PDB file of all heavy atoms in Angstrom:
ATOM      1  N   GLY A   1      12.751 -54.223  28.575  1.00  0.00           N
ATOM      2  CA  GLY A   1      13.844 -53.166  28.608  1.00  0.00           C
ATOM      3  C   GLY A   1      14.707 -53.261  29.854  1.00  0.00           C
ATOM      4  O   GLY A   1      15.633 -52.478  29.990  1.00  0.00           O
ATOM      5  N   ARG A   2      14.508 -54.179  30.725  1.00  0.00           N
ATOM      6  CA  ARG A   2      15.235 -54.278  31.954  1.00  0.00           C
ATOM      7  C   ARG A   2      16.590 -55.011  31.963  1.00  0.00           C
ATOM      8  O   ARG A   2      17.398 -54.853  32.805  1.00  0.00           O
ATOM      9  CB  ARG A   2      14.364 -54.945  33.078  1.00  0.00           C
ATOM     10  CG  ARG A   2      13.160 -54.113  33.438  1.00  0.00           C
ATOM     11  CD  ARG A   2      12.433 -54.842  34.550  1.00  0.00           C
ATOM     12  NE  ARG A   2      11.077 -54.187  34.761  1.00  0.00           N
ATOM     13  CZ  ARG A   2      10.182 -54.668  35.424  1.00  0.00           C
ATOM     14  NH1 ARG A   2      10.408 -55.900  36.045  1.00  0.00           N
ATOM     15  NH2 ARG A   2       8.985 -54.163  35.459  1.00  0.00           N
ATOM     16  N   MET A   3      16.775 -55.813  30.822  1.00  0.00           N
ATOM     17  CA  MET A   3      17.956 -56.555  30.810  1.00  0.00           C
ATOM     18  C   MET A   3      18.646 -56.510  29.442  1.00  0.00           C
ATOM     19  O   MET A   3      18.040 -56.595  28.409  1.00  0.00           O
ATOM     20  CB  MET A   3      17.605 -58.013  31.100  1.00  0.00           C
ATOM     21  CG  MET A   3      18.816 -58.910  31.425  1.00  0.00           C
ATOM     22  SD  MET A   3      19.548 -58.494  33.019  1.00  0.00           S
ATOM     23  CE  MET A   3      18.280 -58.769  34.149  1.00  0.00           C
ATOM     24  N   LEU A   4      19.902 -56.253  29.423  1.00  0.00           N
ATOM     25  CA  LEU A   4      20.713 -56.289  28.185  1.00  0.00           C
ATOM     26  C   LEU A   4      21.449 -57.627  28.163  1.00  0.00           C
ATOM     27  O   LEU A   4      22.206 -57.966  29.105  1.00  0.00           O
ATOM     28  CB  LEU A   4      21.752 -55.173  28.140  1.00  0.00           C
ATOM     29  CG  LEU A   4      22.798 -55.135  27.026  1.00  0.00           C
ATOM     30  CD1 LEU A   4      22.045 -55.017  25.706  1.00  0.00           C
ATOM     31  CD2 LEU A   4      23.746 -54.070  27.232  1.00  0.00           C
ATOM     32  N   TRP A   5      21.171 -58.526  27.145  1.00  0.00           N
ATOM     33  CA  TRP A   5      21.792 -59.710  27.098  1.00  0.00           C
ATOM     34  C   TRP A   5      22.904 -59.656  25.961  1.00  0.00           C
ATOM     35  O   TRP A   5      22.650 -59.293  24.822  1.00  0.00           O
ATOM     36  CB  TRP A   5      20.737 -60.803  26.672  1.00  0.00           C
ATOM     37  CG  TRP A   5      19.734 -61.144  27.710  1.00  0.00           C
ATOM     38  CD1 TRP A   5      18.556 -60.447  27.873  1.00  0.00           C
ATOM     39  CD2 TRP A   5      19.830 -62.051  28.694  1.00  0.00           C
ATOM     40  NE1 TRP A   5      17.877 -60.975  28.859  1.00  0.00           N
ATOM     41  CE2 TRP A   5      18.630 -62.026  29.365  1.00  0.00           C
ATOM     42  CE3 TRP A   5      20.753 -62.984  29.026  1.00  0.00           C
ATOM     43  CZ2 TRP A   5      18.433 -62.783  30.487  1.00  0.00           C
ATOM     44  CZ3 TRP A   5      20.537 -63.891  30.069  1.00  0.00           C
ATOM     45  CH2 TRP A   5      19.333 -63.762  30.806  1.00  0.00           C
ATOM     46  N   LEU A   6      24.157 -60.061  26.355  1.00  0.00           N
ATOM     47  CA  LEU A   6      25.227 -60.067  25.406  1.00  0.00           C
ATOM     48  C   LEU A   6      25.986 -61.334  25.453  1.00  0.00           C
ATOM     49  O   LEU A   6      26.208 -61.920  26.532  1.00  0.00           O
ATOM     50  CB  LEU A   6      26.085 -58.911  25.707  1.00  0.00           C
ATOM     51  CG  LEU A   6      25.619 -57.462  25.607  1.00  0.00           C
ATOM     52  CD1 LEU A   6      26.549 -56.481  26.134  1.00  0.00           C
ATOM     53  CD2 LEU A   6      25.239 -57.220  24.110  1.00  0.00           C
ATOM     54  N   SER A   7      26.471 -61.812  24.375  1.00  0.00           N
ATOM     55  CA  SER A   7      27.426 -62.940  24.387  1.00  0.00           C
ATOM     56  C   SER A   7      28.772 -62.486  24.803  1.00  0.00           C
ATOM     57  O   SER A   7      29.141 -61.329  24.631  1.00  0.00           O
ATOM     58  CB  SER A   7      27.451 -63.614  23.012  1.00  0.00           C
ATOM     59  OG  SER A   7      27.944 -62.697  22.018  1.00  0.00           O
ATOM     60  N   GLY A   8      29.511 -63.371  25.512  1.00  0.00           N
ATOM     61  CA  GLY A   8      30.891 -63.071  25.932  1.00  0.00           C
ATOM     62  C   GLY A   8      31.809 -63.822  25.057  1.00  0.00           C
ATOM     63  O   GLY A   8      32.310 -64.879  25.483  1.00  0.00           O
ATOM     64  N   ARG A   9      32.113 -63.261  23.974  1.00  0.00           N
ATOM     65  CA  ARG A   9      32.738 -63.951  22.840  1.00  0.00           C
ATOM     66  C   ARG A   9      33.999 -64.696  23.225  1.00  0.00           C
ATOM     67  O   ARG A   9      34.108 -65.917  22.875  1.00  0.00           O
ATOM     68  CB  ARG A   9      33.193 -62.885  21.840  1.00  0.00           C
ATOM     69  CG  ARG A   9      33.913 -63.379  20.544  1.00  0.00           C
ATOM     70  CD  ARG A   9      33.010 -64.092  19.596  1.00  0.00           C
ATOM     71  NE  ARG A   9      33.676 -64.691  18.449  1.00  0.00           N
ATOM     72  CZ  ARG A   9      33.852 -64.035  17.335  1.00  0.00           C
ATOM     73  NH1 ARG A   9      33.494 -62.825  17.178  1.00  0.00           N
ATOM     74  NH2 ARG A   9      34.485 -64.685  16.409  1.00  0.00           N
ATOM     75  N   PHE A  10      34.927 -64.184  24.009  1.00  0.00           N
ATOM     76  CA  PHE A  10      36.110 -64.899  24.328  1.00  0.00           C
ATOM     77  C   PHE A  10      36.202 -65.582  25.707  1.00  0.00           C
ATOM     78  O   PHE A  10      37.237 -66.024  26.105  1.00  0.00           O
ATOM     79  CB  PHE A  10      37.311 -63.875  24.124  1.00  0.00           C
ATOM     80  CG  PHE A  10      37.289 -63.128  22.890  1.00  0.00           C
ATOM     81  CD1 PHE A  10      37.279 -61.756  22.893  1.00  0.00           C
ATOM     82  CD2 PHE A  10      37.265 -63.822  21.665  1.00  0.00           C
ATOM     83  CE1 PHE A  10      37.281 -61.123  21.675  1.00  0.00           C
ATOM     84  CE2 PHE A  10      37.183 -63.083  20.485  1.00  0.00           C
ATOM     85  CZ  PHE A  10      37.239 -61.806  20.482  1.00  0.00           C
ATOM     86  N   ASP A  11      35.078 -65.432  26.406  1.00  0.00           N
ATOM     87  CA  ASP A  11      35.107 -65.947  27.845  1.00  0.00           C
ATOM     88  C   ASP A  11      34.011 -67.010  28.054  1.00  0.00           C
ATOM     89  O   ASP A  11      33.763 -67.379  29.170  1.00  0.00           O
ATOM     90  CB  ASP A  11      34.890 -64.719  28.748  1.00  0.00           C
ATOM     91  CG  ASP A  11      35.977 -63.785  28.672  1.00  0.00           C
ATOM     92  OD1 ASP A  11      37.077 -64.025  29.241  1.00  0.00           O
ATOM     93  OD2 ASP A  11      35.878 -62.737  28.085  1.00  0.00           O
ATOM     94  N   ASP A  12      33.434 -67.535  26.978  1.00  0.00           N
ATOM     95  CA  ASP A  12      32.559 -68.658  27.105  1.00  0.00           C
ATOM     96  C   ASP A  12      31.304 -68.460  27.967  1.00  0.00           C
ATOM     97  O   ASP A  12      30.959 -69.257  28.779  1.00  0.00           O
ATOM     98  CB  ASP A  12      33.217 -69.907  27.530  1.00  0.00           C
ATOM     99  CG  ASP A  12      34.488 -70.288  26.544  1.00  0.00           C
ATOM    100  OD1 ASP A  12      34.462 -69.864  25.369  1.00  0.00           O
ATOM    101  OD2 ASP A  12      35.407 -70.939  27.047  1.00  0.00           O
ATOM    102  N   VAL A  13      30.863 -67.217  27.988  1.00  0.00           N
ATOM    103  CA  VAL A  13      29.731 -66.852  28.835  1.00  0.00           C
ATOM    104  C   VAL A  13      28.658 -65.997  28.068  1.00  0.00           C
ATOM    105  O   VAL A  13      28.939 -65.507  26.956  1.00  0.00           O
ATOM    106  CB  VAL A  13      30.242 -66.025  30.141  1.00  0.00           C
ATOM    107  CG1 VAL A  13      31.068 -66.846  31.005  1.00  0.00           C
ATOM    108  CG2 VAL A  13      30.802 -64.705  29.685  1.00  0.00           C
ATOM    109  N   VAL A  14      27.554 -65.784  28.764  1.00  0.00           N
ATOM    110  CA  VAL A  14      26.581 -64.876  28.283  1.00  0.00           C
ATOM    111  C   VAL A  14      26.454 -63.922  29.535  1.00  0.00           C
ATOM    112  O   VAL A  14      26.387 -64.337  30.638  1.00  0.00           O
ATOM    113  CB  VAL A  14      25.219 -65.561  27.947  1.00  0.00           C
ATOM    114  CG1 VAL A  14      24.080 -64.571  27.868  1.00  0.00           C
ATOM    115  CG2 VAL A  14      25.247 -66.347  26.656  1.00  0.00           C
ATOM    116  N   TYR A  15      26.336 -62.653  29.160  1.00  0.00           N
ATOM    117  CA  TYR A  15      26.106 -61.542  30.188  1.00  0.00           C
ATOM    118  C   TYR A  15      24.710 -61.167  30.249  1.00  0.00           C
ATOM    119  O   TYR A  15      24.047 -60.894  29.193  1.00  0.00           O
ATOM    120  CB  TYR A  15      26.960 -60.339  29.944  1.00  0.00           C
ATOM    121  CG  TYR A  15      28.508 -60.677  29.729  1.00  0.00           C
ATOM    122  CD1 TYR A  15      29.087 -60.515  28.533  1.00  0.00           C
ATOM    123  CD2 TYR A  15      29.215 -61.028  30.888  1.00  0.00           C
ATOM    124  CE1 TYR A  15      30.351 -60.822  28.394  1.00  0.00           C
ATOM    125  CE2 TYR A  15      30.580 -61.343  30.727  1.00  0.00           C
ATOM    126  CZ  TYR A  15      31.145 -61.202  29.426  1.00  0.00           C
ATOM    127  OH  TYR A  15      32.489 -61.510  29.303  1.00  0.00           O
ATOM    128  N   ALA A  16      24.158 -61.086  31.451  1.00  0.00           N
ATOM    129  CA  ALA A  16      22.806 -60.553  31.694  1.00  0.00           C
ATOM    130  C   ALA A  16      23.027 -59.225  32.509  1.00  0.00           C
ATOM    131  O   ALA A  16      23.544 -59.325  33.603  1.00  0.00           O
ATOM    132  CB  ALA A  16      21.959 -61.440  32.447  1.00  0.00           C
ATOM    133  N   ILE A  17      22.836 -58.111  31.869  1.00  0.00           N
ATOM    134  CA  ILE A  17      23.225 -56.829  32.447  1.00  0.00           C
ATOM    135  C   ILE A  17      21.863 -56.001  32.724  1.00  0.00           C
ATOM    136  O   ILE A  17      21.154 -55.668  31.895  1.00  0.00           O
ATOM    137  CB  ILE A  17      24.139 -56.044  31.513  1.00  0.00           C
ATOM    138  CG1 ILE A  17      25.381 -56.880  31.231  1.00  0.00           C
ATOM    139  CG2 ILE A  17      24.479 -54.655  32.117  1.00  0.00           C
ATOM    140  CD1 ILE A  17      26.181 -56.269  30.141  1.00  0.00           C
ATOM    141  N   ASP A  18      21.742 -55.722  34.045  1.00  0.00           N
ATOM    142  CA  ASP A  18      20.545 -54.903  34.447  1.00  0.00           C
ATOM    143  C   ASP A  18      20.700 -53.528  33.914  1.00  0.00           C
ATOM    144  O   ASP A  18      21.677 -52.761  34.134  1.00  0.00           O
ATOM    145  CB  ASP A  18      20.589 -54.858  36.019  1.00  0.00           C
ATOM    146  CG  ASP A  18      19.345 -54.176  36.560  1.00  0.00           C
ATOM    147  OD1 ASP A  18      19.050 -52.996  36.177  1.00  0.00           O
ATOM    148  OD2 ASP A  18      18.631 -54.727  37.377  1.00  0.00           O
ATOM    149  N   THR A  19      19.755 -53.023  33.139  1.00  0.00           N
ATOM    150  CA  THR A  19      19.838 -51.768  32.460  1.00  0.00           C
ATOM    151  C   THR A  19      19.578 -50.570  33.404  1.00  0.00           C
ATOM    152  O   THR A  19      19.739 -49.419  32.978  1.00  0.00           O
ATOM    153  CB  THR A  19      18.872 -51.647  31.221  1.00  0.00           C
ATOM    154  OG1 THR A  19      17.552 -51.923  31.632  1.00  0.00           O
ATOM    155  CG2 THR A  19      19.281 -52.653  30.166  1.00  0.00           C
ATOM    156  N   THR A  20      19.170 -50.893  34.544  1.00  0.00           N
ATOM    157  CA  THR A  20      18.926 -49.839  35.564  1.00  0.00           C
ATOM    158  C   THR A  20      20.244 -49.567  36.384  1.00  0.00           C
ATOM    159  O   THR A  20      20.602 -48.392  36.614  1.00  0.00           O
ATOM    160  CB  THR A  20      17.789 -50.119  36.491  1.00  0.00           C
ATOM    161  OG1 THR A  20      16.632 -50.366  35.802  1.00  0.00           O
ATOM    162  CG2 THR A  20      17.549 -49.010  37.545  1.00  0.00           C
ATOM    163  N   THR A  21      20.853 -50.643  36.786  1.00  0.00           N
ATOM    164  CA  THR A  21      22.016 -50.538  37.701  1.00  0.00           C
ATOM    165  C   THR A  21      23.312 -50.843  37.012  1.00  0.00           C
ATOM    166  O   THR A  21      24.407 -50.442  37.537  1.00  0.00           O
ATOM    167  CB  THR A  21      21.836 -51.440  38.869  1.00  0.00           C
ATOM    168  OG1 THR A  21      21.911 -52.842  38.369  1.00  0.00           O
ATOM    169  CG2 THR A  21      20.616 -51.282  39.679  1.00  0.00           C
ATOM    170  N   GLY A  22      23.320 -51.468  35.891  1.00  0.00           N
ATOM    171  CA  GLY A  22      24.621 -51.986  35.243  1.00  0.00           C
ATOM    172  C   GLY A  22      25.147 -53.153  35.845  1.00  0.00           C
ATOM    173  O   GLY A  22      26.285 -53.651  35.488  1.00  0.00           O
ATOM    174  N   LYS A  23      24.432 -53.784  36.755  1.00  0.00           N
ATOM    175  CA  LYS A  23      24.991 -55.019  37.462  1.00  0.00           C
ATOM    176  C   LYS A  23      25.041 -56.062  36.475  1.00  0.00           C
ATOM    177  O   LYS A  23      24.124 -56.370  35.698  1.00  0.00           O
ATOM    178  CB  LYS A  23      24.061 -55.473  38.580  1.00  0.00           C
ATOM    179  CG  LYS A  23      24.622 -56.589  39.307  1.00  0.00           C
ATOM    180  CD  LYS A  23      23.668 -56.972  40.484  1.00  0.00           C
ATOM    181  CE  LYS A  23      24.250 -58.276  41.102  1.00  0.00           C
ATOM    182  NZ  LYS A  23      23.419 -58.819  42.130  1.00  0.00           N
ATOM    183  N   VAL A  24      26.207 -56.854  36.462  1.00  0.00           N
ATOM    184  CA  VAL A  24      26.451 -57.875  35.483  1.00  0.00           C
ATOM    185  C   VAL A  24      26.398 -59.317  36.080  1.00  0.00           C
ATOM    186  O   VAL A  24      27.062 -59.519  37.049  1.00  0.00           O
ATOM    187  CB  VAL A  24      27.849 -57.669  34.824  1.00  0.00           C
ATOM    188  CG1 VAL A  24      28.137 -58.763  33.803  1.00  0.00           C
ATOM    189  CG2 VAL A  24      28.059 -56.332  34.142  1.00  0.00           C
ATOM    190  N   ARG A  25      25.622 -60.200  35.437  1.00  0.00           N
ATOM    191  CA  ARG A  25      25.584 -61.546  35.811  1.00  0.00           C
ATOM    192  C   ARG A  25      26.198 -62.384  34.692  1.00  0.00           C
ATOM    193  O   ARG A  25      25.912 -62.078  33.527  1.00  0.00           O
ATOM    194  CB  ARG A  25      24.176 -61.978  36.126  1.00  0.00           C
ATOM    195  CG  ARG A  25      24.137 -63.375  36.689  1.00  0.00           C
ATOM    196  CD  ARG A  25      22.639 -63.717  37.214  1.00  0.00           C
ATOM    197  NE  ARG A  25      21.681 -63.448  36.107  1.00  0.00           N
ATOM    198  CZ  ARG A  25      20.587 -64.169  35.871  1.00  0.00           C
ATOM    199  NH1 ARG A  25      20.480 -65.305  36.450  1.00  0.00           N
ATOM    200  NH2 ARG A  25      19.843 -63.850  34.863  1.00  0.00           N
ATOM    201  N   LYS A  26      27.005 -63.318  35.001  1.00  0.00           N
ATOM    202  CA  LYS A  26      27.669 -64.155  33.892  1.00  0.00           C
ATOM    203  C   LYS A  26      27.048 -65.499  34.013  1.00  0.00           C
ATOM    204  O   LYS A  26      26.893 -66.093  35.093  1.00  0.00           O
ATOM    205  CB  LYS A  26      29.160 -64.251  34.178  1.00  0.00           C
ATOM    206  CG  LYS A  26      29.861 -62.941  34.055  1.00  0.00           C
ATOM    207  CD  LYS A  26      31.399 -63.201  34.295  1.00  0.00           C
ATOM    208  CE  LYS A  26      32.079 -61.795  34.282  1.00  0.00           C
ATOM    209  NZ  LYS A  26      33.602 -61.929  34.489  1.00  0.00           N
ATOM    210  N   ILE A  27      26.738 -66.099  32.833  1.00  0.00           N
ATOM    211  CA  ILE A  27      26.163 -67.416  32.694  1.00  0.00           C
ATOM    212  C   ILE A  27      27.062 -68.204  31.770  1.00  0.00           C
ATOM    213  O   ILE A  27      27.320 -67.817  30.651  1.00  0.00           O
ATOM    214  CB  ILE A  27      24.792 -67.338  32.181  1.00  0.00           C
ATOM    215  CG1 ILE A  27      23.861 -66.464  32.943  1.00  0.00           C
ATOM    216  CG2 ILE A  27      24.138 -68.736  31.944  1.00  0.00           C
ATOM    217  CD1 ILE A  27      22.554 -66.071  32.249  1.00  0.00           C
ATOM    218  N   LYS A  28      27.639 -69.246  32.339  1.00  0.00           N
ATOM    219  CA  LYS A  28      28.684 -70.153  31.614  1.00  0.00           C
ATOM    220  C   LYS A  28      27.839 -70.787  30.438  1.00  0.00           C
ATOM    221  O   LYS A  28      26.784 -71.379  30.665  1.00  0.00           O
ATOM    222  CB  LYS A  28      29.242 -71.122  32.608  1.00  0.00           C
ATOM    223  CG  LYS A  28      30.454 -71.819  31.974  1.00  0.00           C
ATOM    224  CD  LYS A  28      31.643 -71.012  32.100  1.00  0.00           C
ATOM    225  CE  LYS A  28      32.834 -71.789  31.679  1.00  0.00           C
ATOM    226  NZ  LYS A  28      33.839 -70.971  31.006  1.00  0.00           N
ATOM    227  N   VAL A  29      28.492 -70.770  29.277  1.00  0.00           N
ATOM    228  CA  VAL A  29      27.852 -71.445  28.090  1.00  0.00           C
ATOM    229  C   VAL A  29      28.976 -72.151  27.278  1.00  0.00           C
ATOM    230  O   VAL A  29      30.169 -72.309  27.827  1.00  0.00           O
ATOM    231  CB  VAL A  29      27.150 -70.510  27.159  1.00  0.00           C
ATOM    232  CG1 VAL A  29      25.977 -69.850  27.867  1.00  0.00           C
ATOM    233  CG2 VAL A  29      28.081 -69.407  26.667  1.00  0.00           C
ATOM    234  N   GLY A  30      28.770 -72.573  26.102  1.00  0.00           N
ATOM    235  CA  GLY A  30      29.793 -73.340  25.271  1.00  0.00           C
ATOM    236  C   GLY A  30      30.785 -72.411  24.753  1.00  0.00           C
ATOM    237  O   GLY A  30      30.798 -71.122  25.062  1.00  0.00           O
ATOM    238  N   MET A  31      31.747 -72.900  24.006  1.00  0.00           N
ATOM    239  CA  MET A  31      32.904 -72.158  23.564  1.00  0.00           C
ATOM    240  C   MET A  31      32.511 -70.973  22.611  1.00  0.00           C
ATOM    241  O   MET A  31      31.863 -71.155  21.712  1.00  0.00           O
ATOM    242  CB  MET A  31      33.799 -73.113  22.809  1.00  0.00           C
ATOM    243  CG  MET A  31      35.144 -72.604  22.534  1.00  0.00           C
ATOM    244  SD  MET A  31      36.265 -74.026  21.969  1.00  0.00           S
ATOM    245  CE  MET A  31      36.503 -73.504  20.304  1.00  0.00           C
ATOM    246  N   GLU A  32      33.070 -69.897  22.773  1.00  0.00           N
ATOM    247  CA  GLU A  32      33.057 -68.734  22.088  1.00  0.00           C
ATOM    248  C   GLU A  32      31.759 -68.335  21.469  1.00  0.00           C
ATOM    249  O   GLU A  32      31.615 -68.212  20.231  1.00  0.00           O
ATOM    250  CB  GLU A  32      34.095 -68.739  20.975  1.00  0.00           C
ATOM    251  CG  GLU A  32      35.526 -68.784  21.563  1.00  0.00           C
ATOM    252  CD  GLU A  32      36.622 -68.638  20.439  1.00  0.00           C
ATOM    253  OE1 GLU A  32      36.216 -68.205  19.346  1.00  0.00           O
ATOM    254  OE2 GLU A  32      37.733 -68.770  20.872  1.00  0.00           O
ATOM    255  N   PRO A  33      30.692 -67.934  22.280  1.00  0.00           N
ATOM    256  CA  PRO A  33      29.439 -67.584  21.751  1.00  0.00           C
ATOM    257  C   PRO A  33      29.588 -66.257  20.973  1.00  0.00           C
ATOM    258  O   PRO A  33      30.099 -65.322  21.501  1.00  0.00           O
ATOM    259  CB  PRO A  33      28.560 -67.376  22.998  1.00  0.00           C
ATOM    260  CG  PRO A  33      29.505 -67.132  24.043  1.00  0.00           C
ATOM    261  CD  PRO A  33      30.737 -67.874  23.779  1.00  0.00           C
ATOM    262  N   HIS A  34      29.125 -66.151  19.815  1.00  0.00           N
ATOM    263  CA  HIS A  34      29.280 -64.899  19.003  1.00  0.00           C
ATOM    264  C   HIS A  34      28.019 -64.181  18.725  1.00  0.00           C
ATOM    265  O   HIS A  34      28.021 -63.096  18.309  1.00  0.00           O
ATOM    266  CB  HIS A  34      29.986 -65.325  17.706  1.00  0.00           C
ATOM    267  CG  HIS A  34      30.278 -64.067  16.905  1.00  0.00           C
ATOM    268  ND1 HIS A  34      30.412 -64.150  15.556  1.00  0.00           N
ATOM    269  CD2 HIS A  34      30.470 -62.826  17.236  1.00  0.00           C
ATOM    270  CE1 HIS A  34      30.650 -62.921  15.106  1.00  0.00           C
ATOM    271  NE2 HIS A  34      30.710 -62.121  16.094  1.00  0.00           N
ATOM    272  N   GLY A  35      26.850 -64.805  18.987  1.00  0.00           N
ATOM    273  CA  GLY A  35      25.634 -63.975  18.724  1.00  0.00           C
ATOM    274  C   GLY A  35      24.574 -64.405  19.750  1.00  0.00           C
ATOM    275  O   GLY A  35      24.712 -65.488  20.366  1.00  0.00           O
ATOM    276  N   LEU A  36      23.717 -63.512  20.044  1.00  0.00           N
ATOM    277  CA  LEU A  36      22.653 -63.869  20.972  1.00  0.00           C
ATOM    278  C   LEU A  36      21.448 -62.923  20.599  1.00  0.00           C
ATOM    279  O   LEU A  36      21.585 -61.779  20.321  1.00  0.00           O
ATOM    280  CB  LEU A  36      23.065 -63.512  22.373  1.00  0.00           C
ATOM    281  CG  LEU A  36      22.184 -63.904  23.545  1.00  0.00           C
ATOM    282  CD1 LEU A  36      23.018 -64.134  24.749  1.00  0.00           C
ATOM    283  CD2 LEU A  36      21.120 -62.755  23.882  1.00  0.00           C
ATOM    284  N   THR A  37      20.294 -63.591  20.387  1.00  0.00           N
ATOM    285  CA  THR A  37      19.018 -62.816  20.157  1.00  0.00           C
ATOM    286  C   THR A  37      18.091 -63.112  21.184  1.00  0.00           C
ATOM    287  O   THR A  37      18.040 -64.162  21.797  1.00  0.00           O
ATOM    288  CB  THR A  37      18.548 -63.142  18.676  1.00  0.00           C
ATOM    289  OG1 THR A  37      17.498 -62.133  18.363  1.00  0.00           O
ATOM    290  CG2 THR A  37      17.953 -64.494  18.655  1.00  0.00           C
ATOM    291  N   VAL A  38      17.215 -62.065  21.493  1.00  0.00           N
ATOM    292  CA  VAL A  38      16.151 -62.224  22.458  1.00  0.00           C
ATOM    293  C   VAL A  38      14.887 -62.446  21.612  1.00  0.00           C
ATOM    294  O   VAL A  38      14.586 -61.650  20.727  1.00  0.00           O
ATOM    295  CB  VAL A  38      16.059 -60.917  23.290  1.00  0.00           C
ATOM    296  CG1 VAL A  38      14.860 -61.002  24.226  1.00  0.00           C
ATOM    297  CG2 VAL A  38      17.276 -60.685  23.993  1.00  0.00           C
ATOM    298  N   SER A  39      14.242 -63.646  21.893  1.00  0.00           N
ATOM    299  CA  SER A  39      13.134 -64.011  21.008  1.00  0.00           C
ATOM    300  C   SER A  39      11.794 -63.330  21.331  1.00  0.00           C
ATOM    301  O   SER A  39      10.737 -63.860  20.846  1.00  0.00           O
ATOM    302  CB  SER A  39      12.942 -65.526  20.951  1.00  0.00           C
ATOM    303  OG  SER A  39      12.593 -65.970  22.275  1.00  0.00           O
ATOM    304  N   SER A  40      11.834 -62.271  22.025  1.00  0.00           N
ATOM    305  CA  SER A  40      10.635 -61.525  22.271  1.00  0.00           C
ATOM    306  C   SER A  40      10.505 -60.450  21.271  1.00  0.00           C
ATOM    307  O   SER A  40      11.494 -60.173  20.559  1.00  0.00           O
ATOM    308  CB  SER A  40      10.661 -60.935  23.720  1.00  0.00           C
ATOM    309  OG  SER A  40      11.758 -60.154  23.905  1.00  0.00           O
ATOM    310  N   PRO A  41       9.383 -59.800  21.203  1.00  0.00           N
ATOM    311  CA  PRO A  41       9.276 -58.748  20.138  1.00  0.00           C
ATOM    312  C   PRO A  41      10.303 -57.707  20.204  1.00  0.00           C
ATOM    313  O   PRO A  41      10.696 -57.281  21.302  1.00  0.00           O
ATOM    314  CB  PRO A  41       7.897 -58.161  20.396  1.00  0.00           C
ATOM    315  CG  PRO A  41       7.131 -59.167  21.149  1.00  0.00           C
ATOM    316  CD  PRO A  41       8.132 -59.908  21.975  1.00  0.00           C
TER     317      PRO A  41
END
């Protein structure tokens, strides 16, 4: 529950957002990621 992971559809990134502070980290990925799933339960 500590991290919200979201694709950055138009910016070629994935966001890792701390759910306590709202701090955003950007991770560069391929072109226009549209979905992201977390493979934990």
